[in-house]
């Protein structure tokens, strides 16, 4: 195996080496502290839908953007988020618990009503 150093890049010829599969990890490592990670909600279908709904509300200007701390309206992105939730409702039909179905239905109704108000 030859290695060359050129312009700050390390070039390694790995042809002919046996490929090792990466070990599956239960989490993705990041620079976030364990305190920040502990504050995150459990990852499940409901929190995923609520996350998409929150994004739609931010795009409609109902909530402030957590990064800019300002309310901004982007109805095209809000509609995109609502469309994603609608697609999830269609694709998961018959595979959700009653609670998840109710959450999806309520979120879609609420987002559609708010979208109509924001569009005026």
N, C-alpha and C. Protein backbone atom coordinates (compact mmCIF):
# COMPACT_ATOMS: atom_id res chain seq x y z
N UNK A 1 0.84 -1.17 0.00
CA UNK A 1 0.00 0.00 0.00
C UNK A 1 0.88 1.23 0.00
N UNK A 2 0.68 2.11 -0.96
CA UNK A 2 1.49 3.32 -1.02
C UNK A 2 0.70 4.50 -0.48
N UNK A 3 1.38 5.38 0.21
CA UNK A 3 0.75 6.57 0.76
C UNK A 3 1.54 7.79 0.31
N UNK A 4 0.84 8.78 -0.19
CA UNK A 4 1.47 10.01 -0.61
C UNK A 4 0.85 11.17 0.13
N UNK A 5 1.64 12.18 0.44
CA UNK A 5 1.16 13.41 1.07
C UNK A 5 1.29 14.51 0.03
N UNK A 6 0.15 15.12 -0.36
CA UNK A 6 0.19 16.15 -1.38
C UNK A 6 -0.82 17.23 -1.03
N UNK A 7 -0.38 18.45 -0.97
CA UNK A 7 -1.24 19.61 -0.72
C UNK A 7 -2.14 19.42 0.50
N UNK A 8 -1.61 18.83 1.57
CA UNK A 8 -2.37 18.68 2.79
C UNK A 8 -3.34 17.51 2.79
N UNK A 9 -3.41 16.74 1.71
CA UNK A 9 -4.29 15.58 1.63
C UNK A 9 -3.47 14.32 1.74
N UNK A 10 -4.00 13.34 2.42
CA UNK A 10 -3.36 12.05 2.52
C UNK A 10 -4.05 11.10 1.56
N UNK A 11 -3.31 10.51 0.67
CA UNK A 11 -3.86 9.60 -0.32
C UNK A 11 -3.41 8.18 0.06
N UNK A 12 -4.38 7.30 0.25
CA UNK A 12 -4.07 5.92 0.60
C UNK A 12 -4.67 4.99 -0.45
N UNK A 13 -3.84 4.11 -0.99
CA UNK A 13 -4.32 3.13 -1.97
C UNK A 13 -4.78 1.91 -1.20
N UNK A 14 -6.09 1.70 -1.18
CA UNK A 14 -6.64 0.58 -0.42
C UNK A 14 -7.14 -0.54 -1.32
N UNK A 15 -6.81 -0.47 -2.59
CA UNK A 15 -7.20 -1.55 -3.48
C UNK A 15 -6.52 -2.83 -3.04
N UNK A 16 -7.26 -3.91 -3.08
CA UNK A 16 -6.69 -5.21 -2.71
C UNK A 16 -6.83 -5.52 -1.23
N UNK A 17 -7.22 -4.52 -0.41
CA UNK A 17 -7.41 -4.77 1.01
C UNK A 17 -8.78 -5.40 1.23
N UNK A 18 -8.89 -6.20 2.26
CA UNK A 18 -10.18 -6.80 2.61
C UNK A 18 -11.04 -5.72 3.23
N UNK A 19 -12.27 -5.64 2.74
CA UNK A 19 -13.19 -4.61 3.21
C UNK A 19 -13.82 -5.08 4.51
N UNK A 20 -13.78 -4.24 5.53
CA UNK A 20 -14.42 -4.56 6.80
C UNK A 20 -15.70 -3.75 6.91
N UNK A 21 -16.78 -4.43 7.27
CA UNK A 21 -18.05 -3.75 7.45
C UNK A 21 -18.00 -2.94 8.74
N UNK A 22 -18.54 -1.73 8.70
CA UNK A 22 -18.56 -0.94 9.93
C UNK A 22 -19.50 -1.58 10.94
N UNK A 23 -19.13 -1.47 12.21
CA UNK A 23 -19.98 -2.02 13.26
C UNK A 23 -21.18 -1.11 13.44
N UNK A 24 -22.39 -1.69 13.55
CA UNK A 24 -23.56 -0.85 13.75
C UNK A 24 -23.47 -0.16 15.10
N UNK A 25 -23.92 1.07 15.12
CA UNK A 25 -23.87 1.86 16.33
C UNK A 25 -25.28 2.22 16.75
N UNK A 26 -25.52 2.23 18.04
CA UNK A 26 -26.86 2.56 18.52
C UNK A 26 -27.09 4.06 18.51
N UNK A 27 -26.03 4.83 18.29
CA UNK A 27 -26.18 6.28 18.20
C UNK A 27 -25.14 6.83 17.26
N UNK A 28 -25.40 8.01 16.79
CA UNK A 28 -24.46 8.70 15.93
C UNK A 28 -23.66 9.64 16.80
N UNK A 29 -22.36 9.53 16.74
CA UNK A 29 -21.54 10.40 17.58
C UNK A 29 -21.57 11.81 17.02
N UNK A 30 -21.55 12.75 17.95
CA UNK A 30 -21.56 14.15 17.56
C UNK A 30 -20.78 14.93 18.60
N UNK A 31 -20.72 16.21 18.41
CA UNK A 31 -20.03 17.07 19.35
C UNK A 31 -20.93 17.51 20.50
N UNK A 32 -22.19 17.06 20.49
CA UNK A 32 -23.14 17.44 21.53
C UNK A 32 -22.77 16.77 22.84
N UNK A 33 -22.96 17.50 23.94
CA UNK A 33 -22.67 16.94 25.24
C UNK A 33 -23.75 15.96 25.64
N UNK A 34 -23.47 15.13 26.62
CA UNK A 34 -24.47 14.15 27.06
C UNK A 34 -25.67 14.83 27.68
N UNK A 35 -25.50 16.03 28.25
CA UNK A 35 -26.63 16.78 28.80
C UNK A 35 -27.58 17.20 27.69
N UNK A 36 -27.04 17.66 26.54
CA UNK A 36 -27.87 18.06 25.42
C UNK A 36 -28.60 16.86 24.85
N UNK A 37 -27.93 15.73 24.77
CA UNK A 37 -28.53 14.52 24.24
C UNK A 37 -29.63 14.02 25.16
N UNK A 38 -29.44 14.12 26.47
CA UNK A 38 -30.43 13.67 27.42
C UNK A 38 -31.70 14.52 27.35
N UNK A 39 -31.60 15.76 26.92
CA UNK A 39 -32.74 16.65 26.86
C UNK A 39 -33.61 16.40 25.63
N UNK A 40 -33.13 15.63 24.67
CA UNK A 40 -33.88 15.36 23.45
C UNK A 40 -35.00 14.36 23.74
N UNK A 41 -36.15 14.53 23.05
CA UNK A 41 -37.25 13.59 23.28
C UNK A 41 -36.95 12.22 22.67
N UNK A 42 -37.68 11.22 23.15
CA UNK A 42 -37.56 9.87 22.61
C UNK A 42 -37.90 9.89 21.12
N UNK A 43 -37.19 9.11 20.34
CA UNK A 43 -37.44 9.05 18.91
C UNK A 43 -38.51 7.99 18.66
N UNK A 44 -39.68 8.46 18.22
CA UNK A 44 -40.77 7.55 17.84
C UNK A 44 -41.63 8.26 16.80
N UNK A 45 -42.65 7.59 16.33
CA UNK A 45 -43.48 8.14 15.27
C UNK A 45 -44.14 9.46 15.70
N UNK A 46 -44.64 9.51 16.92
CA UNK A 46 -45.33 10.70 17.40
C UNK A 46 -44.40 11.91 17.46
N UNK A 47 -43.20 11.73 17.98
CA UNK A 47 -42.28 12.87 18.06
C UNK A 47 -41.84 13.30 16.66
N UNK A 48 -41.76 12.36 15.73
CA UNK A 48 -41.41 12.69 14.36
C UNK A 48 -42.50 13.57 13.74
N UNK A 49 -43.77 13.17 13.91
CA UNK A 49 -44.89 13.95 13.39
C UNK A 49 -44.94 15.32 14.05
N UNK A 50 -44.73 15.37 15.35
CA UNK A 50 -44.74 16.65 16.06
C UNK A 50 -43.60 17.56 15.59
N UNK A 51 -42.46 16.97 15.26
CA UNK A 51 -41.34 17.74 14.74
C UNK A 51 -41.68 18.36 13.39
N UNK A 52 -42.29 17.57 12.51
CA UNK A 52 -42.70 18.09 11.21
C UNK A 52 -43.76 19.19 11.37
N UNK A 53 -44.67 18.98 12.31
CA UNK A 53 -45.72 19.98 12.57
C UNK A 53 -45.12 21.28 13.08
N UNK A 54 -44.15 21.17 13.96
CA UNK A 54 -43.49 22.36 14.49
C UNK A 54 -42.78 23.11 13.38
N UNK A 55 -42.14 22.39 12.48
CA UNK A 55 -41.48 23.03 11.34
C UNK A 55 -42.49 23.78 10.48
N UNK A 56 -43.66 23.17 10.25
CA UNK A 56 -44.70 23.83 9.46
C UNK A 56 -45.17 25.10 10.16
N UNK A 57 -45.35 25.04 11.47
CA UNK A 57 -45.78 26.22 12.22
C UNK A 57 -44.74 27.33 12.17
N UNK A 58 -43.49 26.98 12.21
CA UNK A 58 -42.42 27.97 12.09
C UNK A 58 -42.47 28.62 10.72
N UNK A 59 -42.67 27.82 9.68
CA UNK A 59 -42.73 28.36 8.31
C UNK A 59 -43.96 29.22 8.08
N UNK A 60 -45.01 28.97 8.84
CA UNK A 60 -46.22 29.80 8.72
C UNK A 60 -46.11 31.08 9.54
N UNK A 61 -45.05 31.21 10.33
CA UNK A 61 -44.88 32.40 11.15
C UNK A 61 -45.65 32.34 12.46
N UNK A 62 -46.18 31.17 12.80
CA UNK A 62 -46.90 31.02 14.07
C UNK A 62 -45.92 30.97 15.23
N UNK A 63 -44.79 30.34 14.99
CA UNK A 63 -43.73 30.23 16.01
C UNK A 63 -42.47 30.88 15.46
N UNK A 64 -41.62 31.33 16.37
CA UNK A 64 -40.36 31.92 15.91
C UNK A 64 -39.36 30.82 15.58
N UNK A 65 -38.51 31.12 14.62
CA UNK A 65 -37.44 30.21 14.24
C UNK A 65 -36.46 30.12 15.40
N UNK A 66 -36.15 28.92 15.89
CA UNK A 66 -35.25 28.80 17.04
C UNK A 66 -33.83 29.29 16.76
N UNK A 67 -33.44 29.35 15.51
CA UNK A 67 -32.09 29.79 15.16
C UNK A 67 -32.01 31.31 15.04
N UNK A 68 -32.99 31.91 14.38
CA UNK A 68 -32.95 33.36 14.17
C UNK A 68 -33.71 34.12 15.23
N UNK A 69 -34.52 33.43 16.00
CA UNK A 69 -35.37 34.04 17.04
C UNK A 69 -36.35 35.05 16.45
N UNK A 70 -36.72 34.86 15.19
CA UNK A 70 -37.66 35.74 14.51
C UNK A 70 -38.75 34.91 13.85
N UNK A 71 -39.92 35.53 13.72
CA UNK A 71 -41.01 34.88 12.99
C UNK A 71 -40.91 35.29 11.53
N UNK A 72 -40.86 34.30 10.67
CA UNK A 72 -40.79 34.55 9.24
C UNK A 72 -41.80 33.64 8.54
N UNK A 73 -42.41 34.14 7.49
CA UNK A 73 -43.42 33.37 6.77
C UNK A 73 -42.83 32.85 5.46
N UNK A 74 -42.94 31.55 5.28
CA UNK A 74 -42.54 30.88 4.03
C UNK A 74 -43.61 29.82 3.76
N UNK A 75 -44.70 30.26 3.12
CA UNK A 75 -45.85 29.38 2.92
C UNK A 75 -45.54 28.18 2.03
N UNK A 76 -44.62 28.33 1.11
CA UNK A 76 -44.25 27.19 0.25
C UNK A 76 -43.64 26.07 1.09
N UNK A 77 -42.76 26.43 2.02
CA UNK A 77 -42.15 25.42 2.89
C UNK A 77 -43.18 24.86 3.87
N UNK A 78 -44.09 25.69 4.35
CA UNK A 78 -45.14 25.21 5.25
C UNK A 78 -46.00 24.17 4.53
N UNK A 79 -46.38 24.47 3.30
CA UNK A 79 -47.18 23.53 2.51
C UNK A 79 -46.40 22.23 2.28
N UNK A 80 -45.13 22.35 2.04
CA UNK A 80 -44.27 21.18 1.83
C UNK A 80 -44.29 20.28 3.08
N UNK A 81 -44.17 20.87 4.26
CA UNK A 81 -44.20 20.10 5.50
C UNK A 81 -45.56 19.42 5.68
N UNK A 82 -46.64 20.15 5.39
CA UNK A 82 -47.99 19.57 5.50
C UNK A 82 -48.15 18.43 4.51
N UNK A 83 -47.64 18.59 3.31
CA UNK A 83 -47.70 17.53 2.31
C UNK A 83 -46.94 16.28 2.76
N UNK A 84 -45.82 16.47 3.44
CA UNK A 84 -45.05 15.33 3.96
C UNK A 84 -45.89 14.58 4.99
N UNK A 85 -46.54 15.32 5.88
CA UNK A 85 -47.37 14.68 6.90
C UNK A 85 -48.55 13.95 6.25
N UNK A 86 -49.14 14.55 5.22
CA UNK A 86 -50.22 13.89 4.48
C UNK A 86 -49.74 12.59 3.83
N UNK A 87 -48.55 12.63 3.26
CA UNK A 87 -47.97 11.44 2.64
C UNK A 87 -47.74 10.36 3.69
N UNK A 88 -47.25 10.74 4.85
CA UNK A 88 -47.05 9.77 5.93
C UNK A 88 -48.37 9.14 6.35
N UNK A 89 -49.42 9.96 6.42
CA UNK A 89 -50.74 9.44 6.80
C UNK A 89 -51.22 8.41 5.78
N UNK A 90 -51.02 8.69 4.51
CA UNK A 90 -51.43 7.75 3.47
C UNK A 90 -50.61 6.47 3.49
N UNK A 91 -49.30 6.61 3.61
CA UNK A 91 -48.41 5.45 3.54
C UNK A 91 -48.47 4.56 4.78
N UNK A 92 -48.89 5.13 5.90
CA UNK A 92 -48.93 4.34 7.14
C UNK A 92 -50.34 3.91 7.50
N UNK A 93 -51.31 4.19 6.65
CA UNK A 93 -52.71 3.85 6.92
C UNK A 93 -52.84 2.35 7.23
N UNK A 94 -53.48 2.05 8.34
CA UNK A 94 -53.67 0.66 8.76
C UNK A 94 -52.51 0.09 9.55
N UNK A 95 -51.43 0.84 9.70
CA UNK A 95 -50.25 0.34 10.41
C UNK A 95 -49.95 1.14 11.68
N UNK A 96 -50.85 2.04 12.05
CA UNK A 96 -50.61 2.89 13.21
C UNK A 96 -51.54 2.50 14.36
N UNK A 97 -51.11 2.86 15.55
CA UNK A 97 -51.99 2.69 16.70
C UNK A 97 -53.08 3.75 16.63
N UNK A 98 -54.15 3.57 17.39
CA UNK A 98 -55.25 4.54 17.41
C UNK A 98 -54.72 5.91 17.83
N UNK A 99 -53.83 5.93 18.79
CA UNK A 99 -53.26 7.19 19.28
C UNK A 99 -52.47 7.89 18.17
N UNK A 100 -51.68 7.14 17.41
CA UNK A 100 -50.90 7.72 16.32
C UNK A 100 -51.81 8.22 15.20
N UNK A 101 -52.86 7.46 14.89
CA UNK A 101 -53.82 7.90 13.87
C UNK A 101 -54.49 9.20 14.29
N UNK A 102 -54.90 9.27 15.56
CA UNK A 102 -55.54 10.49 16.07
C UNK A 102 -54.59 11.68 16.02
N UNK A 103 -53.34 11.46 16.39
CA UNK A 103 -52.36 12.53 16.36
C UNK A 103 -52.19 13.06 14.94
N UNK A 104 -52.04 12.15 13.98
CA UNK A 104 -51.90 12.55 12.58
C UNK A 104 -53.11 13.35 12.11
N UNK A 105 -54.29 12.86 12.41
CA UNK A 105 -55.51 13.54 12.00
C UNK A 105 -55.63 14.93 12.61
N UNK A 106 -55.36 15.02 13.90
CA UNK A 106 -55.44 16.31 14.59
C UNK A 106 -54.40 17.29 14.06
N UNK A 107 -53.18 16.81 13.86
CA UNK A 107 -52.11 17.68 13.36
C UNK A 107 -52.45 18.20 11.97
N UNK A 108 -52.90 17.30 11.10
CA UNK A 108 -53.24 17.73 9.74
C UNK A 108 -54.38 18.75 9.75
N UNK A 109 -55.40 18.52 10.55
CA UNK A 109 -56.52 19.46 10.62
C UNK A 109 -56.03 20.83 11.10
N UNK A 110 -55.28 20.82 12.19
CA UNK A 110 -54.78 22.07 12.77
C UNK A 110 -53.88 22.81 11.78
N UNK A 111 -52.98 22.10 11.15
CA UNK A 111 -52.04 22.73 10.21
C UNK A 111 -52.77 23.28 8.99
N UNK A 112 -53.74 22.55 8.48
CA UNK A 112 -54.50 23.03 7.33
C UNK A 112 -55.26 24.31 7.66
N UNK A 113 -55.89 24.35 8.85
CA UNK A 113 -56.64 25.54 9.26
C UNK A 113 -55.71 26.75 9.41
N UNK A 114 -54.58 26.52 10.03
CA UNK A 114 -53.60 27.60 10.22
C UNK A 114 -53.02 28.05 8.88
N UNK A 115 -52.85 27.11 7.96
CA UNK A 115 -52.33 27.45 6.65
C UNK A 115 -53.31 28.36 5.90
N UNK A 116 -54.59 28.04 5.99
CA UNK A 116 -55.61 28.87 5.35
C UNK A 116 -55.57 30.27 5.95
N UNK A 117 -55.47 30.37 7.27
CA UNK A 117 -55.39 31.68 7.92
C UNK A 117 -54.14 32.45 7.49
N UNK A 118 -53.02 31.76 7.42
CA UNK A 118 -51.76 32.40 7.05
C UNK A 118 -51.76 32.84 5.58
N UNK A 119 -52.54 32.15 4.76
CA UNK A 119 -52.59 32.46 3.33
C UNK A 119 -53.40 33.72 3.02
N UNK A 120 -54.22 34.16 3.95
CA UNK A 120 -55.09 35.32 3.71
C UNK A 120 -54.32 36.61 3.76
